[in-house]
Protein backbone atom coordinates (compact mmCIF):
# COMPACT_ATOMS: atom_id res chain seq x y z
CA MET A 1 68.08 90.64 -5.70
CA PRO A 2 70.43 92.11 -8.35
CA ASN A 3 69.25 94.64 -10.56
CA ASN A 4 69.85 92.73 -13.57
CA PRO A 5 68.41 94.17 -16.86
CA VAL A 6 65.57 92.51 -18.60
CA GLN A 7 66.91 90.34 -21.50
CA ILE A 8 65.26 91.00 -24.77
CA ILE A 9 65.19 88.59 -27.79
CA PRO A 10 63.40 90.07 -30.64
CA ARG A 11 60.91 88.10 -32.88
CA TRP A 12 60.63 90.03 -36.08
CA SER A 13 57.54 90.27 -38.20
CA THR A 14 59.23 88.85 -41.24
CA ASP A 15 60.41 85.91 -39.23
CA ARG A 16 56.97 84.92 -38.21
CA GLY A 17 55.02 82.12 -40.18
CA HIS A 18 52.82 83.61 -42.63
CA ALA A 19 50.02 82.63 -45.13
CA ASP A 20 47.68 84.42 -47.32
CA HIS A 21 44.79 82.03 -48.43
CA GLY A 22 42.62 84.97 -49.81
CA TRP A 23 40.00 84.77 -47.42
CA LEU A 24 42.29 84.60 -44.53
CA LYS A 25 45.70 86.55 -44.05
CA THR A 26 47.53 85.13 -41.05
CA PHE A 27 50.89 85.53 -39.14
CA HIS A 28 52.00 82.79 -36.65
CA THR A 29 54.51 83.80 -33.85
CA PHE A 30 54.67 80.09 -32.84
CA SER A 31 54.61 76.80 -34.73
CA PHE A 32 50.97 76.44 -35.95
CA ALA A 33 49.20 74.73 -38.97
CA ASN A 34 51.79 74.20 -41.72
CA TYR A 35 54.35 76.56 -40.20
CA HIS A 36 56.69 74.63 -38.00
CA ASP A 37 59.91 76.03 -36.14
CA PRO A 38 61.16 74.03 -33.14
CA ARG A 39 62.98 77.28 -32.04
CA HIS A 40 59.37 79.02 -31.57
CA SER A 41 56.94 76.25 -30.62
CA SER A 42 55.95 77.84 -27.22
CA TYR A 43 57.20 80.01 -24.43
CA GLY A 44 56.17 79.24 -20.81
CA ALA A 45 52.39 78.70 -21.18
CA LEU A 46 52.16 80.73 -24.15
CA ARG A 47 51.46 78.20 -27.20
CA VAL A 48 49.87 80.42 -29.89
CA ILE A 49 49.78 83.92 -31.19
CA ASN A 50 48.10 84.19 -34.62
CA GLU A 51 47.43 87.45 -35.88
CA ASP A 52 44.47 86.97 -38.44
CA ARG A 53 42.48 89.04 -40.91
CA VAL A 54 39.38 87.30 -42.18
CA ALA A 55 37.45 88.38 -45.13
CA SER A 56 33.80 89.40 -44.85
CA GLY A 57 31.39 86.38 -45.16
CA THR A 58 34.14 83.84 -44.48
CA GLY A 59 35.86 82.42 -41.53
CA PHE A 60 36.73 79.24 -39.66
CA GLY A 61 34.01 76.69 -39.82
CA THR A 62 33.03 74.45 -36.90
CA HIS A 63 35.99 72.65 -35.50
CA SER A 64 37.12 70.95 -32.18
CA HIS A 65 39.53 71.66 -29.49
CA GLN A 66 40.44 70.03 -26.17
CA ASN A 67 42.50 70.95 -23.14
CA PHE A 68 43.90 74.35 -24.32
CA GLU A 69 42.89 77.97 -23.14
CA ILE A 70 41.81 79.85 -26.20
CA PHE A 71 41.03 83.57 -26.25
CA SER A 72 40.51 85.99 -29.16
CA TYR A 73 41.29 89.68 -28.81
CA VAL A 74 39.33 91.82 -31.38
CA VAL A 75 41.18 94.60 -33.21
CA GLY A 76 38.73 95.81 -36.02
CA GLY A 77 35.60 94.54 -37.45
CA GLN A 78 33.22 92.03 -35.96
CA LEU A 79 33.86 88.46 -35.09
CA GLU A 80 30.91 86.11 -34.93
CA HIS A 81 31.38 83.16 -32.42
CA GLN A 82 29.35 80.11 -31.96
CA ASP A 83 30.06 76.97 -29.86
CA SER A 84 28.88 73.72 -28.78
CA MET A 85 28.03 75.10 -25.34
CA GLY A 86 25.29 77.22 -26.97
CA ASN A 87 27.03 80.54 -26.91
CA THR A 88 26.56 82.78 -29.97
CA GLU A 89 27.97 86.35 -29.88
CA ILE A 90 29.12 89.00 -32.33
CA LEU A 91 32.31 90.67 -30.65
CA SER A 92 33.48 94.19 -31.69
CA ARG A 93 36.78 95.93 -31.18
CA GLY A 94 37.51 95.93 -27.49
CA ALA A 95 35.98 92.49 -26.92
CA LEU A 96 38.04 89.59 -25.55
CA GLN A 97 36.36 86.00 -25.76
CA SER A 98 37.99 83.17 -23.78
CA THR A 99 37.24 79.46 -24.02
CA SER A 100 38.61 76.77 -21.57
CA ALA A 101 38.42 73.88 -24.01
CA GLY A 102 38.92 71.31 -21.30
CA THR A 103 37.20 68.04 -22.26
CA GLY A 104 36.41 69.16 -25.52
CA ILE A 105 34.31 72.01 -27.38
CA ALA A 106 33.53 72.67 -30.96
CA HIS A 107 33.27 76.17 -32.39
CA SER A 108 33.32 78.44 -35.43
CA GLU A 109 34.74 82.02 -35.83
CA LYS A 110 33.54 84.10 -38.80
CA ALA A 111 33.72 87.71 -40.06
CA HIS A 112 30.49 89.46 -39.43
CA GLY A 113 29.09 92.34 -41.50
CA PRO A 114 30.60 94.10 -44.61
CA GLU A 115 34.15 94.24 -43.26
CA GLU A 116 36.80 92.00 -42.45
CA VAL A 117 37.72 91.21 -38.92
CA HIS A 118 41.09 91.60 -37.52
CA PHE A 119 41.82 89.86 -34.19
CA LEU A 120 44.46 87.80 -32.55
CA GLN A 121 43.81 84.36 -31.41
CA ILE A 122 45.96 83.33 -28.47
CA TRP A 123 46.25 79.84 -26.69
CA ALA A 124 47.66 79.06 -23.62
CA SER A 125 48.71 75.56 -22.10
CA PRO A 126 46.59 74.73 -18.92
CA ARG A 127 48.20 73.94 -15.62
CA PRO A 128 49.00 70.65 -14.83
CA GLY A 129 45.77 68.89 -14.25
CA ASP A 130 43.62 71.47 -15.25
CA GLY A 131 43.31 70.50 -18.88
CA ASN A 132 40.53 67.83 -18.74
CA LYS A 133 37.90 69.95 -16.76
CA LYS A 134 34.57 70.84 -17.80
CA PRO A 135 34.76 73.36 -20.69
CA ALA A 136 33.93 77.14 -19.84
CA TYR A 137 33.34 80.29 -21.82
CA PHE A 138 33.89 84.09 -20.78
CA THR A 139 33.58 87.60 -22.53
CA ARG A 140 34.90 90.93 -21.53
CA ASN A 141 34.88 94.14 -23.07
CA PHE A 142 37.53 96.93 -22.69
CA CYS A 143 37.04 100.35 -24.22
CA ASP A 144 40.12 102.33 -25.81
CA GLU A 145 40.15 104.77 -22.83
CA GLU A 146 40.72 101.94 -20.46
CA LYS A 147 43.85 100.87 -22.29
CA ARG A 148 45.25 104.34 -23.01
CA ASN A 149 48.69 104.82 -21.60
CA ARG A 150 48.52 102.03 -19.21
CA PHE A 151 49.07 98.21 -19.13
CA LEU A 152 45.57 97.15 -18.48
CA LEU A 153 45.24 93.47 -17.36
CA VAL A 154 42.62 91.50 -19.68
CA VAL A 155 43.35 87.93 -18.91
CA ALA A 156 44.57 86.37 -15.65
CA PRO A 157 44.74 82.95 -13.98
CA ASP A 158 41.28 81.79 -12.36
CA ASP A 159 42.92 80.94 -9.09
CA SER A 160 43.85 84.81 -8.58
CA SER A 161 41.49 87.57 -7.56
CA VAL A 162 39.36 87.48 -10.90
CA SER A 163 35.47 87.02 -11.48
CA LEU A 164 34.37 83.70 -12.85
CA SER A 165 31.06 85.08 -14.14
CA ARG A 166 30.50 84.55 -17.90
CA GLU A 167 30.16 88.29 -18.31
CA ASP A 168 31.74 90.77 -15.96
CA LYS A 169 34.26 93.65 -15.44
CA GLY A 170 38.05 92.92 -15.19
CA PRO A 171 40.17 90.46 -16.79
CA ALA A 172 39.04 87.08 -18.22
CA PRO A 173 39.72 83.93 -16.16
CA ILE A 174 41.99 81.21 -17.81
CA ARG A 175 43.25 77.82 -16.22
CA SER A 176 46.94 78.80 -16.87
CA HIS A 177 49.91 80.57 -15.53
CA LEU A 178 49.63 83.65 -17.86
CA TRP A 179 48.76 87.30 -17.63
CA MET A 180 48.00 89.31 -20.54
CA TYR A 181 47.82 93.25 -20.72
CA ALA A 182 46.71 95.48 -23.55
CA SER A 183 47.83 99.12 -23.97
CA LEU A 184 47.21 101.92 -26.28
CA ILE A 185 50.26 104.19 -26.09
CA ASP A 186 50.40 107.57 -27.38
CA PRO A 187 53.48 109.10 -29.02
CA GLY A 188 56.28 110.17 -26.70
CA VAL A 189 54.63 108.34 -23.68
CA SER A 190 56.67 105.76 -21.57
CA LEU A 191 55.20 102.96 -19.48
CA VAL A 192 56.85 100.87 -16.95
CA HIS A 193 55.76 97.34 -16.26
CA GLU A 194 56.60 95.23 -13.22
CA HIS A 195 56.32 91.53 -13.75
CA VAL A 196 53.51 90.00 -11.60
CA GLY A 197 56.18 87.30 -10.24
CA LYS A 198 58.70 89.91 -9.28
CA GLY A 199 60.44 89.27 -5.85
CA GLN A 200 59.95 85.47 -6.05
CA GLY A 201 63.61 84.87 -6.48
CA GLN A 202 63.77 82.97 -9.56
CA LEU A 203 63.89 83.87 -13.49
CA LYS A 204 60.61 85.09 -15.04
CA LYS A 205 59.40 85.19 -18.53
CA GLY A 206 57.35 87.46 -20.67
CA TYR A 207 56.44 88.35 -24.24
CA ILE A 208 55.52 91.38 -26.17
CA HIS A 209 53.71 92.00 -29.36
CA LEU A 210 52.94 95.08 -31.39
CA ILE A 211 49.84 94.78 -33.35
CA GLN A 212 49.67 95.67 -37.10
CA THR A 213 47.12 98.57 -36.60
CA SER A 214 48.19 100.46 -39.79
CA GLY A 215 47.31 97.63 -42.11
CA TYR A 216 48.33 94.09 -43.30
CA ASN A 217 52.04 94.13 -44.13
CA ALA A 218 53.80 90.76 -45.13
CA ARG A 219 57.02 92.73 -45.85
CA LYS A 220 59.36 94.36 -43.50
CA SER A 221 57.73 95.63 -40.41
CA SER A 222 56.75 99.17 -40.29
CA GLY A 223 54.23 101.78 -38.84
CA ASN A 224 53.97 102.51 -35.17
CA THR A 225 57.29 101.95 -33.32
CA VAL A 226 57.91 101.36 -29.66
CA ARG A 227 61.31 101.15 -27.87
CA ILE A 228 61.72 98.39 -25.07
CA GLY A 229 64.27 97.77 -22.59
CA SER A 230 65.02 97.71 -18.93
CA LYS A 231 63.95 100.85 -16.97
CA SER A 232 67.50 101.22 -15.54
CA THR A 233 69.60 101.07 -18.88
CA ASP A 234 70.27 103.74 -21.41
CA GLY A 235 69.05 103.98 -24.92
CA ASP A 236 72.01 102.03 -26.48
CA SER A 237 70.71 98.72 -25.17
CA LYS A 238 67.12 99.01 -25.93
CA VAL A 239 65.26 97.41 -28.95
CA GLU A 240 62.82 98.99 -31.56
CA LEU A 241 59.88 97.03 -32.42
CA ARG A 242 57.50 98.04 -35.20
CA GLU A 243 54.04 96.66 -36.03
CA GLY A 244 54.09 92.92 -36.19
CA ASP A 245 57.37 92.59 -34.32
CA GLY A 246 57.46 91.13 -30.98
CA ALA A 247 60.04 89.98 -28.23
CA TYR A 248 60.80 87.26 -25.82
CA LEU A 249 61.53 88.80 -22.44
CA ILE A 250 63.50 87.31 -19.55
CA TYR A 251 63.61 88.92 -16.05
CA GLU A 252 66.53 88.12 -14.18
CA GLY A 253 66.34 90.55 -11.21
CA SER A 254 64.56 93.41 -9.77
CA ASP A 255 64.57 95.49 -12.93
CA ASN A 256 61.34 96.40 -14.78
CA LEU A 257 60.43 96.75 -18.36
CA GLU A 258 60.05 100.26 -19.98
CA VAL A 259 58.07 100.55 -23.23
CA THR A 260 58.21 104.07 -25.03
CA ASN A 261 56.28 105.08 -28.08
CA VAL A 262 58.94 106.57 -30.44
CA GLY A 263 56.54 106.69 -33.50
CA GLN A 264 54.06 109.05 -34.72
CA GLY A 265 50.81 107.25 -33.88
CA ILE A 266 49.01 105.22 -31.31
CA ALA A 267 50.86 101.97 -30.61
CA GLU A 268 48.56 98.92 -29.48
CA VAL A 269 50.57 96.42 -27.51
CA LEU A 270 50.00 93.14 -26.10
CA LEU A 271 52.15 92.21 -22.96
CA PHE A 272 52.29 88.96 -21.41
CA ASP A 273 53.73 87.79 -17.91
CA LEU A 274 54.65 84.10 -17.74
CA ASP A 275 56.14 81.76 -15.16
């Protein structure tokens, strides 16, 4: 297989959908709610990446979902989750809560305690035929040290080697062709990622997102900075992302993705492998 470079198409933070409702400050990577852009409606199985900040004492009241795989990655504060399956939990930093909506569930998500909650809500489309199964719920917890200077797998398809227990170690299972990794990258550190589908002889997709850990910023992206590109290419062909920025990735050949923290602080990154 040729050693073609990984194609990178930046998705700048300022180009995302954005809304400030007072109680909710949110950014939409893909079309969502009142934000619609046909160029950014989905990518592979990835349908939603919303970076949300919800004020203390407020949140999303009870509402319904069907079909989608929905998971929340908590960055800061505490997220209170309740649903029609009887699950009630308080989720703190490092928690990942996953719901397979299937035939239908209702849930609420609110900021618990005196501080706002900062989390990413992510949706994935289910595999064909898997969208109308019985709903399921899972939680996982990953400490910062587990994510330090590595791409830690935190979400994976339920037909791979993953526990289907409600609470367990390892990645949360979803009914989708999507793998999600989380990383905390120290300044000066480079990580290399090999797509899970490497060697299968076809184009593979991915996505990367740099979380706004330095604070809410609706203006030009700033804060922590990573440089991304193919492992085999020089610096001139690489792209720098700052907090809130992301990028579509296309793996054409056998090359791997390299992510280097070129900033001054710890960069918190989410990376997706997609079919």
